[in-house]
Amino acid sequence: MINYPHDVHQTSCHLHSSCTVLCADEVPEPLSHRIWLSATGCCGLFRVWSTGPDVRIPVTTACRDIYLHNPSSQSGEYTLFSNRRVYCRFSNGVITTYFSKSAADGLTTEELSHHYNTKSEVDVVAKWSNETQTVSKLAQLSRYSFLPLGITANEHTVYTAPMNLNLQPYLFVGFLPQVLISKSFINGYQANGMDKSFHNCDEGPNSQFTFYANPSNYQPQKRGWETHQVTSEWTSGARMIHSAQGLLPDDYFFDGELHFGGCGAYGITESWSKVHGLSLGVKYVLEHLVVPSC
């Protein structure tokens, strides 16, 4: 949902046959009497004043809107119409959105879903103790590639609960729903094209990465970093991010928690001195983006 000022009345209307829009009447001064806001990405998102000249100003609710308005836009930080700060990376037909820690506050899974159109993979950027940054592509194990990832905000839905909810708000990536996991079940994920798997030794159904904003800098309720391929090899094959490609600002790195198994492993970055935080990137693949003609 687009966030409107509290004193703006919302109704439904149509701009033309190919675009459904929301229009807000009774816009307070000094704005004009009506402002139309596209809700479907029709030729980008625009504020349209209906009195006086037909002035159109881009309304950015996601990184894709920035690209649609100007395909030459540079990767970097942007403040969206919702006042959330994000980092947009535009590269090779893929728009990757990273969220600042403050942007996770009050974020819903529905709002988060507006920032991606694929659940087949996500990016995870690690900030290391030597101040370098690397990015890993995470996906389902090859044998489960037909299953979408569970990409959520401040809820875990069909996956097991994170261990440190005192550090919320949080972003969440679930791999295997807990109902599927049983003893001897093959659990894990794919990192940078390589499967990282193990057999559950019991019915422990954990299969997730959690990214805690931890605005109050609380200590985790569960600490530790266990040595196992699911905690130590997710960066194998990771790509170094060079300064010219755009390093993420510090505010984009969350306390990261990995939890897998039943005889997998548990770890939280607060307990791993080598890394200073993780950042989740969700993806919009442009070849999947359909924009109505206007």
C-alpha atoms as a PDB file:
ATOM      1  CA  MET A   1       0.000   0.000   0.000  1.00  0.00           C
ATOM      2  CA  ILE A   2       1.108   3.557  -0.706  1.00  0.00           C
ATOM      3  CA  ASN A   3       1.271   5.711   2.418  1.00  0.00           C
ATOM      4  CA  TYR A   4      -0.841   8.871   2.269  1.00  0.00           C
ATOM      5  CA  PRO A   5      -1.035  11.809   4.667  1.00  0.00           C
ATOM      6  CA  HIS A   6      -3.631  11.120   7.353  1.00  0.00           C
ATOM      7  CA  ASP A   7      -5.793  14.065   6.263  1.00  0.00           C
ATOM      8  CA  VAL A   8      -6.074  12.907   2.636  1.00  0.00           C
ATOM      9  CA  HIS A   9      -9.283  11.136   1.642  1.00  0.00           C
ATOM     10  CA  GLN A  10      -8.722   8.070  -0.578  1.00  0.00           C
ATOM     11  CA  THR A  11     -11.113   6.922  -3.303  1.00  0.00           C
ATOM     12  CA  SER A  12     -10.865   4.739  -6.415  1.00  0.00           C
ATOM     13  CA  CYS A  13     -10.854   6.142  -9.913  1.00  0.00           C
ATOM     14  CA  HIS A  14      -9.413   5.588 -13.392  1.00  0.00           C
ATOM     15  CA  LEU A  15      -6.857   7.646 -15.272  1.00  0.00           C
ATOM     16  CA  HIS A  16      -7.431   5.767 -18.528  1.00  0.00           C
ATOM     17  CA  SER A  17      -8.367   2.275 -19.612  1.00  0.00           C
ATOM     18  CA  SER A  18      -4.941   0.646 -19.182  1.00  0.00           C
ATOM     19  CA  CYS A  19      -4.097   2.048 -15.743  1.00  0.00           C
ATOM     20  CA  THR A  20      -5.937   1.638 -12.482  1.00  0.00           C
ATOM     21  CA  VAL A  21      -5.053   4.399 -10.053  1.00  0.00           C
ATOM     22  CA  LEU A  22      -5.858   5.649  -6.626  1.00  0.00           C
ATOM     23  CA  CYS A  23      -6.832   9.276  -6.390  1.00  0.00           C
ATOM     24  CA  ALA A  24      -6.672  11.312  -3.236  1.00  0.00           C
ATOM     25  CA  ASP A  25      -9.222  14.104  -2.893  1.00  0.00           C
ATOM     26  CA  GLU A  26      -9.121  16.996  -0.450  1.00  0.00           C
ATOM     27  CA  VAL A  27      -5.365  17.334  -0.572  1.00  0.00           C
ATOM     28  CA  PRO A  28      -4.362  20.010   1.942  1.00  0.00           C
ATOM     29  CA  GLU A  29      -2.905  23.311   0.744  1.00  0.00           C
ATOM     30  CA  PRO A  30      -0.575  24.328  -0.775  1.00  0.00           C
ATOM     31  CA  LEU A  31      -1.252  21.366  -3.062  1.00  0.00           C
ATOM     32  CA  SER A  32      -4.046  21.562  -5.603  1.00  0.00           C
ATOM     33  CA  HIS A  33      -7.420  19.940  -5.046  1.00  0.00           C
ATOM     34  CA  ARG A  34      -6.683  16.503  -6.439  1.00  0.00           C
ATOM     35  CA  ILE A  35      -3.645  14.298  -6.831  1.00  0.00           C
ATOM     36  CA  TRP A  36      -3.720  11.023  -8.744  1.00  0.00           C
ATOM     37  CA  LEU A  37      -1.341   8.250  -7.758  1.00  0.00           C
ATOM     38  CA  SER A  38      -0.764   5.262 -10.000  1.00  0.00           C
ATOM     39  CA  ALA A  39      -1.012   1.992  -8.108  1.00  0.00           C
ATOM     40  CA  THR A  40       0.026  -0.314 -10.957  1.00  0.00           C
ATOM     41  CA  GLY A  41       3.313   1.042 -12.260  1.00  0.00           C
ATOM     42  CA  CYS A  42       1.723   2.369 -15.423  1.00  0.00           C
ATOM     43  CA  CYS A  43       4.596   4.059 -17.265  1.00  0.00           C
ATOM     44  CA  GLY A  44       6.159   4.621 -13.864  1.00  0.00           C
ATOM     45  CA  LEU A  45       4.365   6.142 -10.923  1.00  0.00           C
ATOM     46  CA  PHE A  46       3.251   9.759 -11.109  1.00  0.00           C
ATOM     47  CA  ARG A  47       1.572  12.419  -9.058  1.00  0.00           C
ATOM     48  CA  VAL A  48      -0.855  14.153 -11.430  1.00  0.00           C
ATOM     49  CA  TRP A  49      -2.377  17.480 -10.448  1.00  0.00           C
ATOM     50  CA  SER A  50      -5.789  17.841 -12.110  1.00  0.00           C
ATOM     51  CA  THR A  51      -6.043  21.610 -11.671  1.00  0.00           C
ATOM     52  CA  GLY A  52      -3.755  23.957 -13.503  1.00  0.00           C
ATOM     53  CA  PRO A  53      -1.028  22.523 -15.782  1.00  0.00           C
ATOM     54  CA  ASP A  54      -0.820  18.738 -16.011  1.00  0.00           C
ATOM     55  CA  VAL A  55       2.348  18.365 -13.954  1.00  0.00           C
ATOM     56  CA  ARG A  56       3.689  14.847 -13.415  1.00  0.00           C
ATOM     57  CA  ILE A  57       6.209  14.128 -10.682  1.00  0.00           C
ATOM     58  CA  PRO A  58       7.534  10.603 -10.158  1.00  0.00           C
ATOM     59  CA  VAL A  59       6.249   8.755  -7.086  1.00  0.00           C
ATOM     60  CA  THR A  60       8.774   6.120  -6.087  1.00  0.00           C
ATOM     61  CA  THR A  61       7.420   3.221  -4.043  1.00  0.00           C
ATOM     62  CA  ALA A  62      10.213   0.825  -5.062  1.00  0.00           C
ATOM     63  CA  CYS A  63      13.542   0.813  -6.888  1.00  0.00           C
ATOM     64  CA  ARG A  64      11.800  -0.400 -10.037  1.00  0.00           C
ATOM     65  CA  ASP A  65       9.853   2.900 -10.197  1.00  0.00           C
ATOM     66  CA  ILE A  66      13.120   4.833 -10.162  1.00  0.00           C
ATOM     67  CA  TYR A  67      14.343   2.728 -13.073  1.00  0.00           C
ATOM     68  CA  LEU A  68      11.067   3.027 -15.014  1.00  0.00           C
ATOM     69  CA  HIS A  69      11.162   6.787 -14.713  1.00  0.00           C
ATOM     70  CA  ASN A  70      14.847   6.953 -15.700  1.00  0.00           C
ATOM     71  CA  PRO A  71      16.634   3.790 -16.927  1.00  0.00           C
ATOM     72  CA  SER A  72      19.922   5.688 -16.600  1.00  0.00           C
ATOM     73  CA  SER A  73      19.509   6.040 -12.830  1.00  0.00           C
ATOM     74  CA  GLN A  74      22.647   5.337 -10.831  1.00  0.00           C
ATOM     75  CA  SER A  75      22.895   2.725  -8.120  1.00  0.00           C
ATOM     76  CA  GLY A  76      22.796   4.257  -4.658  1.00  0.00           C
ATOM     77  CA  GLU A  77      20.631   5.304  -1.738  1.00  0.00           C
ATOM     78  CA  TYR A  78      17.108   6.567  -2.344  1.00  0.00           C
ATOM     79  CA  THR A  79      14.276   7.673  -0.082  1.00  0.00           C
ATOM     80  CA  LEU A  80      10.981   6.198  -1.229  1.00  0.00           C
ATOM     81  CA  PHE A  81       7.521   7.762  -1.047  1.00  0.00           C
ATOM     82  CA  SER A  82       6.986   5.773   2.163  1.00  0.00           C
ATOM     83  CA  ASN A  83      10.046   7.568   3.640  1.00  0.00           C
ATOM     84  CA  ARG A  84      11.920   4.269   3.786  1.00  0.00           C
ATOM     85  CA  ARG A  85      15.589   4.486   2.853  1.00  0.00           C
ATOM     86  CA  VAL A  86      16.784   1.800   0.472  1.00  0.00           C
ATOM     87  CA  TYR A  87      19.831   1.105  -1.651  1.00  0.00           C
ATOM     88  CA  CYS A  88      18.978   0.370  -5.283  1.00  0.00           C
ATOM     89  CA  ARG A  89      21.489  -1.576  -7.349  1.00  0.00           C
ATOM     90  CA  PHE A  90      20.801  -1.498 -11.092  1.00  0.00           C
ATOM     91  CA  SER A  91      22.849  -4.139 -12.891  1.00  0.00           C
ATOM     92  CA  ASN A  92      22.457  -6.286 -16.002  1.00  0.00           C
ATOM     93  CA  GLY A  93      18.672  -6.259 -16.139  1.00  0.00           C
ATOM     94  CA  VAL A  94      18.230  -6.935 -12.416  1.00  0.00           C
ATOM     95  CA  ILE A  95      17.184  -4.379  -9.792  1.00  0.00           C
ATOM     96  CA  THR A  96      18.320  -5.397  -6.311  1.00  0.00           C
ATOM     97  CA  THR A  97      16.887  -3.599  -3.294  1.00  0.00           C
ATOM     98  CA  TYR A  98      18.637  -3.476   0.082  1.00  0.00           C
ATOM     99  CA  PHE A  99      16.869  -2.044   3.128  1.00  0.00           C
ATOM    100  CA  SER A 100      18.354   0.223   5.750  1.00  0.00           C
ATOM    101  CA  LYS A 101      17.795  -0.956   9.312  1.00  0.00           C
ATOM    102  CA  SER A 102      15.348   1.886   9.910  1.00  0.00           C
ATOM    103  CA  ALA A 103      13.355   0.790   6.832  1.00  0.00           C
ATOM    104  CA  ALA A 104      12.572  -2.552   8.484  1.00  0.00           C
ATOM    105  CA  ASP A 105      10.549  -0.840  11.215  1.00  0.00           C
ATOM    106  CA  GLY A 106       6.856  -1.476  10.520  1.00  0.00           C
ATOM    107  CA  LEU A 107       7.605  -3.119   7.181  1.00  0.00           C
ATOM    108  CA  THR A 108       5.038  -5.781   6.266  1.00  0.00           C
ATOM    109  CA  THR A 109       5.479  -8.836   4.078  1.00  0.00           C
ATOM    110  CA  GLU A 110       2.949  -7.377   1.640  1.00  0.00           C
ATOM    111  CA  GLU A 111       4.899  -4.128   1.304  1.00  0.00           C
ATOM    112  CA  LEU A 112       8.158  -6.046   0.995  1.00  0.00           C
ATOM    113  CA  SER A 113       6.684  -8.081  -1.875  1.00  0.00           C
ATOM    114  CA  HIS A 114       6.382  -4.912  -3.968  1.00  0.00           C
ATOM    115  CA  HIS A 115      10.177  -4.802  -4.144  1.00  0.00           C
ATOM    116  CA  TYR A 116      10.772  -8.109  -5.940  1.00  0.00           C
ATOM    117  CA  ASN A 117       9.250 -10.304  -8.636  1.00  0.00           C
ATOM    118  CA  THR A 118      11.298 -13.443  -8.114  1.00  0.00           C
ATOM    119  CA  LYS A 119      11.510 -15.819  -5.160  1.00  0.00           C
ATOM    120  CA  SER A 120      14.125 -18.030  -6.771  1.00  0.00           C
ATOM    121  CA  GLU A 121      17.126 -16.296  -5.188  1.00  0.00           C
ATOM    122  CA  VAL A 122      18.228 -13.452  -2.941  1.00  0.00           C
ATOM    123  CA  ASP A 123      21.544 -11.691  -2.421  1.00  0.00           C
ATOM    124  CA  VAL A 124      23.260 -11.510   0.953  1.00  0.00           C
ATOM    125  CA  VAL A 125      26.037  -8.959   1.419  1.00  0.00           C
ATOM    126  CA  ALA A 126      28.510  -9.520   4.248  1.00  0.00           C
ATOM    127  CA  LYS A 127      30.571  -6.747   5.779  1.00  0.00           C
ATOM    128  CA  TRP A 128      33.823  -8.215   7.042  1.00  0.00           C
ATOM    129  CA  SER A 129      36.076  -7.088   9.878  1.00  0.00           C
ATOM    130  CA  ASN A 130      38.585  -5.695   7.354  1.00  0.00           C
ATOM    131  CA  GLU A 131      35.824  -3.395   6.003  1.00  0.00           C
ATOM    132  CA  THR A 132      35.479  -5.299   2.714  1.00  0.00           C
ATOM    133  CA  GLN A 133      32.074  -6.432   1.409  1.00  0.00           C
ATOM    134  CA  THR A 134      31.142  -9.576  -0.490  1.00  0.00           C
ATOM    135  CA  VAL A 135      27.856 -10.688  -2.033  1.00  0.00           C
ATOM    136  CA  SER A 136      26.517 -14.253  -2.155  1.00  0.00           C
ATOM    137  CA  LYS A 137      23.526 -15.523  -4.131  1.00  0.00           C
ATOM    138  CA  LEU A 138      21.333 -17.825  -2.036  1.00  0.00           C
ATOM    139  CA  ALA A 139      18.697 -20.170  -3.447  1.00  0.00           C
ATOM    140  CA  GLN A 140      17.026 -23.483  -2.718  1.00  0.00           C
ATOM    141  CA  LEU A 141      18.995 -26.695  -2.959  1.00  0.00           C
ATOM    142  CA  SER A 142      18.924 -28.025  -6.530  1.00  0.00           C
ATOM    143  CA  ARG A 143      16.504 -30.800  -5.575  1.00  0.00           C
ATOM    144  CA  TYR A 144      14.041 -28.213  -4.210  1.00  0.00           C
ATOM    145  CA  SER A 145      14.446 -25.565  -6.920  1.00  0.00           C
ATOM    146  CA  PHE A 146      10.694 -25.735  -7.598  1.00  0.00           C
ATOM    147  CA  LEU A 147       9.992 -24.325  -4.121  1.00  0.00           C
ATOM    148  CA  PRO A 148       9.893 -20.530  -3.775  1.00  0.00           C
ATOM    149  CA  LEU A 149      11.861 -18.880  -1.013  1.00  0.00           C
ATOM    150  CA  GLY A 150       9.849 -17.432   1.848  1.00  0.00           C
ATOM    151  CA  ILE A 151      10.768 -13.731   1.856  1.00  0.00           C
ATOM    152  CA  THR A 152       8.993 -11.978   4.720  1.00  0.00           C
ATOM    153  CA  ALA A 153       9.203  -8.992   7.042  1.00  0.00           C
ATOM    154  CA  ASN A 154       8.578  -9.213  10.794  1.00  0.00           C
ATOM    155  CA  GLU A 155       6.906 -12.630  10.545  1.00  0.00           C
ATOM    156  CA  HIS A 156       8.052 -16.177   9.805  1.00  0.00           C
ATOM    157  CA  THR A 157       4.776 -17.675   8.448  1.00  0.00           C
ATOM    158  CA  VAL A 158       5.266 -21.408   7.629  1.00  0.00           C
ATOM    159  CA  TYR A 159       8.871 -21.530   8.858  1.00  0.00           C
ATOM    160  CA  THR A 160      10.244 -21.904  12.374  1.00  0.00           C
ATOM    161  CA  ALA A 161      10.501 -18.801  14.512  1.00  0.00           C
ATOM    162  CA  PRO A 162      13.765 -16.865  14.786  1.00  0.00           C
ATOM    163  CA  MET A 163      15.662 -17.326  18.046  1.00  0.00           C
ATOM    164  CA  ASN A 164      16.233 -13.656  18.926  1.00  0.00           C
ATOM    165  CA  LEU A 165      12.952 -11.805  18.556  1.00  0.00           C
ATOM    166  CA  ASN A 166      14.173  -9.279  21.134  1.00  0.00           C
ATOM    167  CA  LEU A 167      16.309  -7.888  18.288  1.00  0.00           C
ATOM    168  CA  GLN A 168      13.372  -7.152  15.993  1.00  0.00           C
ATOM    169  CA  PRO A 169      12.293  -5.679  13.591  1.00  0.00           C
ATOM    170  CA  TYR A 170      13.656  -8.241  11.175  1.00  0.00           C
ATOM    171  CA  LEU A 171      13.737  -9.477   7.604  1.00  0.00           C
ATOM    172  CA  PHE A 172      13.498 -13.204   6.983  1.00  0.00           C
ATOM    173  CA  VAL A 173      14.338 -15.753   4.286  1.00  0.00           C
ATOM    174  CA  GLY A 174      12.902 -19.235   4.784  1.00  0.00           C
ATOM    175  CA  PHE A 175      14.118 -22.145   2.708  1.00  0.00           C
ATOM    176  CA  LEU A 176      12.176 -25.287   3.623  1.00  0.00           C
ATOM    177  CA  PRO A 177       8.786 -25.013   5.381  1.00  0.00           C
ATOM    178  CA  GLN A 178       8.820 -26.767   8.737  1.00  0.00           C
ATOM    179  CA  VAL A 179       6.041 -29.163   7.692  1.00  0.00           C
ATOM    180  CA  LEU A 180       8.388 -30.767   5.141  1.00  0.00           C
ATOM    181  CA  ILE A 181      11.310 -31.448   7.461  1.00  0.00           C
ATOM    182  CA  SER A 182      11.671 -34.716   9.335  1.00  0.00           C
ATOM    183  CA  LYS A 183      14.458 -37.003  10.521  1.00  0.00           C
ATOM    184  CA  SER A 184      16.914 -37.863   7.691  1.00  0.00           C
ATOM    185  CA  PHE A 185      15.388 -35.148   5.481  1.00  0.00           C
ATOM    186  CA  ILE A 186      17.958 -33.366   3.294  1.00  0.00           C
ATOM    187  CA  ASN A 187      18.124 -29.773   4.493  1.00  0.00           C
ATOM    188  CA  GLY A 188      20.206 -26.757   3.480  1.00  0.00           C
ATOM    189  CA  TYR A 189      20.440 -24.217   0.679  1.00  0.00           C
ATOM    190  CA  GLN A 190      22.438 -23.302  -2.411  1.00  0.00           C
ATOM    191  CA  ALA A 191      25.115 -20.593  -2.228  1.00  0.00           C
ATOM    192  CA  ASN A 192      26.686 -19.179  -5.377  1.00  0.00           C
ATOM    193  CA  GLY A 193      25.577 -22.177  -7.419  1.00  0.00           C
ATOM    194  CA  MET A 194      26.801 -24.848  -4.970  1.00  0.00           C
ATOM    195  CA  ASP A 195      24.537 -26.958  -2.759  1.00  0.00           C
ATOM    196  CA  LYS A 196      25.226 -26.848   0.991  1.00  0.00           C
ATOM    197  CA  SER A 197      23.240 -29.782   2.368  1.00  0.00           C
ATOM    198  CA  PHE A 198      23.070 -32.209   5.288  1.00  0.00           C
ATOM    199  CA  HIS A 199      20.710 -34.856   6.654  1.00  0.00           C
ATOM    200  CA  ASN A 200      18.554 -33.831   9.593  1.00  0.00           C
ATOM    201  CA  CYS A 201      19.474 -36.085  12.527  1.00  0.00           C
ATOM    202  CA  ASP A 202      16.105 -35.403  14.161  1.00  0.00           C
ATOM    203  CA  GLU A 203      12.895 -33.528  13.416  1.00  0.00           C
ATOM    204  CA  GLY A 204      14.328 -30.058  14.060  1.00  0.00           C
ATOM    205  CA  PRO A 205      12.663 -28.064  11.247  1.00  0.00           C
ATOM    206  CA  ASN A 206      14.910 -24.978  11.139  1.00  0.00           C
ATOM    207  CA  SER A 207      15.833 -23.726   7.666  1.00  0.00           C
ATOM    208  CA  GLN A 208      16.243 -19.952   7.580  1.00  0.00           C
ATOM    209  CA  PHE A 209      18.313 -16.765   7.572  1.00  0.00           C
ATOM    210  CA  THR A 210      17.085 -13.878   9.757  1.00  0.00           C
ATOM    211  CA  PHE A 211      18.270 -10.271   9.565  1.00  0.00           C
ATOM    212  CA  TYR A 212      17.693  -8.292  12.795  1.00  0.00           C
ATOM    213  CA  ALA A 213      17.714  -4.483  12.753  1.00  0.00           C
ATOM    214  CA  ASN A 214      18.294  -4.442  16.544  1.00  0.00           C
ATOM    215  CA  PRO A 215      17.705  -0.675  16.928  1.00  0.00           C
ATOM    216  CA  SER A 216      18.306  -0.756  20.704  1.00  0.00           C
ATOM    217  CA  ASN A 217      21.567  -2.733  20.393  1.00  0.00           C
ATOM    218  CA  TYR A 218      20.321  -5.507  22.659  1.00  0.00           C
ATOM    219  CA  GLN A 219      22.364  -8.629  23.286  1.00  0.00           C
ATOM    220  CA  PRO A 220      21.024 -11.784  21.585  1.00  0.00           C
ATOM    221  CA  GLN A 221      19.103 -14.188  23.798  1.00  0.00           C
ATOM    222  CA  LYS A 222      20.796 -17.069  21.961  1.00  0.00           C
ATOM    223  CA  ARG A 223      24.419 -16.549  21.018  1.00  0.00           C
ATOM    224  CA  GLY A 224      27.148 -18.590  19.385  1.00  0.00           C
ATOM    225  CA  TRP A 225      28.528 -19.523  15.986  1.00  0.00           C
ATOM    226  CA  GLU A 226      28.740 -23.260  15.329  1.00  0.00           C
ATOM    227  CA  THR A 227      31.168 -24.623  12.749  1.00  0.00           C
ATOM    228  CA  HIS A 228      29.316 -26.409   9.944  1.00  0.00           C
ATOM    229  CA  GLN A 229      29.148 -26.043   6.185  1.00  0.00           C
ATOM    230  CA  VAL A 230      25.802 -24.225   6.412  1.00  0.00           C
ATOM    231  CA  THR A 231      27.382 -21.546   8.598  1.00  0.00           C
ATOM    232  CA  SER A 232      30.889 -21.483   7.153  1.00  0.00           C
ATOM    233  CA  GLU A 233      30.440 -22.122   3.425  1.00  0.00           C
ATOM    234  CA  TRP A 234      27.629 -19.756   2.442  1.00  0.00           C
ATOM    235  CA  THR A 235      30.319 -17.258   1.410  1.00  0.00           C
ATOM    236  CA  SER A 236      32.227 -19.787  -0.742  1.00  0.00           C
ATOM    237  CA  GLY A 237      32.371 -18.318  -4.228  1.00  0.00           C
ATOM    238  CA  ALA A 238      31.117 -14.932  -3.007  1.00  0.00           C
ATOM    239  CA  ARG A 239      31.942 -11.943  -5.200  1.00  0.00           C
ATOM    240  CA  MET A 240      33.931  -9.037  -3.806  1.00  0.00           C
ATOM    241  CA  ILE A 241      32.148  -5.673  -4.079  1.00  0.00           C
ATOM    242  CA  HIS A 242      34.558  -2.949  -5.124  1.00  0.00           C
ATOM    243  CA  SER A 243      34.070   0.686  -4.176  1.00  0.00           C
ATOM    244  CA  ALA A 244      33.364   1.635  -7.800  1.00  0.00           C
ATOM    245  CA  GLN A 245      30.415  -0.784  -7.779  1.00  0.00           C
ATOM    246  CA  GLY A 246      28.939   0.851  -4.696  1.00  0.00           C
ATOM    247  CA  LEU A 247      29.562  -0.328  -1.148  1.00  0.00           C
ATOM    248  CA  LEU A 248      26.539  -0.446   1.128  1.00  0.00           C
ATOM    249  CA  PRO A 249      26.475   2.115   3.974  1.00  0.00           C
ATOM    250  CA  ASP A 250      26.857   0.829   7.531  1.00  0.00           C
ATOM    251  CA  ASP A 251      23.147   1.303   8.304  1.00  0.00           C
ATOM    252  CA  TYR A 252      22.305  -1.518   5.881  1.00  0.00           C
ATOM    253  CA  PHE A 253      24.026  -4.258   7.868  1.00  0.00           C
ATOM    254  CA  PHE A 254      21.837  -6.268  10.230  1.00  0.00           C
ATOM    255  CA  ASP A 255      22.654  -8.850  12.884  1.00  0.00           C
ATOM    256  CA  GLY A 256      22.410 -12.053  10.837  1.00  0.00           C
ATOM    257  CA  GLU A 257      21.167 -15.358  12.216  1.00  0.00           C
ATOM    258  CA  LEU A 258      21.511 -18.714  10.418  1.00  0.00           C
ATOM    259  CA  HIS A 259      19.585 -21.704  11.764  1.00  0.00           C
ATOM    260  CA  PHE A 260      19.388 -25.148  10.112  1.00  0.00           C
ATOM    261  CA  GLY A 261      18.426 -28.532  11.512  1.00  0.00           C
ATOM    262  CA  GLY A 262      18.423 -30.931  13.503  1.00  0.00           C
ATOM    263  CA  CYS A 263      22.239 -31.428  13.420  1.00  0.00           C
ATOM    264  CA  GLY A 264      22.787 -28.580  11.056  1.00  0.00           C
ATOM    265  CA  ALA A 265      24.075 -25.504  12.807  1.00  0.00           C
ATOM    266  CA  TYR A 266      23.189 -22.224  14.472  1.00  0.00           C
ATOM    267  CA  GLY A 267      25.038 -18.939  14.289  1.00  0.00           C
ATOM    268  CA  ILE A 268      24.515 -15.226  14.826  1.00  0.00           C
ATOM    269  CA  THR A 269      26.984 -12.697  13.459  1.00  0.00           C
ATOM    270  CA  GLU A 270      27.249 -10.934  16.837  1.00  0.00           C
ATOM    271  CA  SER A 271      29.229 -14.008  17.948  1.00  0.00           C
ATOM    272  CA  TRP A 272      31.428 -14.195  14.828  1.00  0.00           C
ATOM    273  CA  SER A 273      34.285 -11.717  15.000  1.00  0.00           C
ATOM    274  CA  LYS A 274      35.100 -11.998  11.291  1.00  0.00           C
ATOM    275  CA  VAL A 275      31.871 -10.410  10.091  1.00  0.00           C
ATOM    276  CA  HIS A 276      30.190  -7.157  11.146  1.00  0.00           C
ATOM    277  CA  GLY A 277      26.746  -7.762   9.697  1.00  0.00           C
ATOM    278  CA  LEU A 278      24.628  -8.988   6.802  1.00  0.00           C
ATOM    279  CA  SER A 279      22.342  -7.210   4.356  1.00  0.00           C
ATOM    280  CA  LEU A 280      19.476  -8.826   2.425  1.00  0.00           C
ATOM    281  CA  GLY A 281      18.919  -7.955  -1.218  1.00  0.00           C
ATOM    282  CA  VAL A 282      15.646  -8.819  -2.988  1.00  0.00           C
ATOM    283  CA  LYS A 283      15.429  -8.825  -6.770  1.00  0.00           C
ATOM    284  CA  TYR A 284      13.303  -7.428  -9.570  1.00  0.00           C
ATOM    285  CA  VAL A 285      14.141  -9.080 -12.902  1.00  0.00           C
ATOM    286  CA  LEU A 286      13.314  -6.633 -15.663  1.00  0.00           C
ATOM    287  CA  GLU A 287      12.461  -9.296 -18.248  1.00  0.00           C
ATOM    288  CA  HIS A 288       9.640 -10.370 -15.895  1.00  0.00           C
ATOM    289  CA  LEU A 289       8.328  -6.821 -15.515  1.00  0.00           C
ATOM    290  CA  VAL A 290       5.208  -6.042 -17.553  1.00  0.00           C
ATOM    291  CA  VAL A 291       4.342  -2.351 -17.889  1.00  0.00           C
ATOM    292  CA  PRO A 292       1.043  -1.397 -19.548  1.00  0.00           C
ATOM    293  CA  SER A 293       1.316   0.875 -22.574  1.00  0.00           C
ATOM    294  CA  CYS A 294       0.084   4.411 -21.906  1.00  0.00           C
END
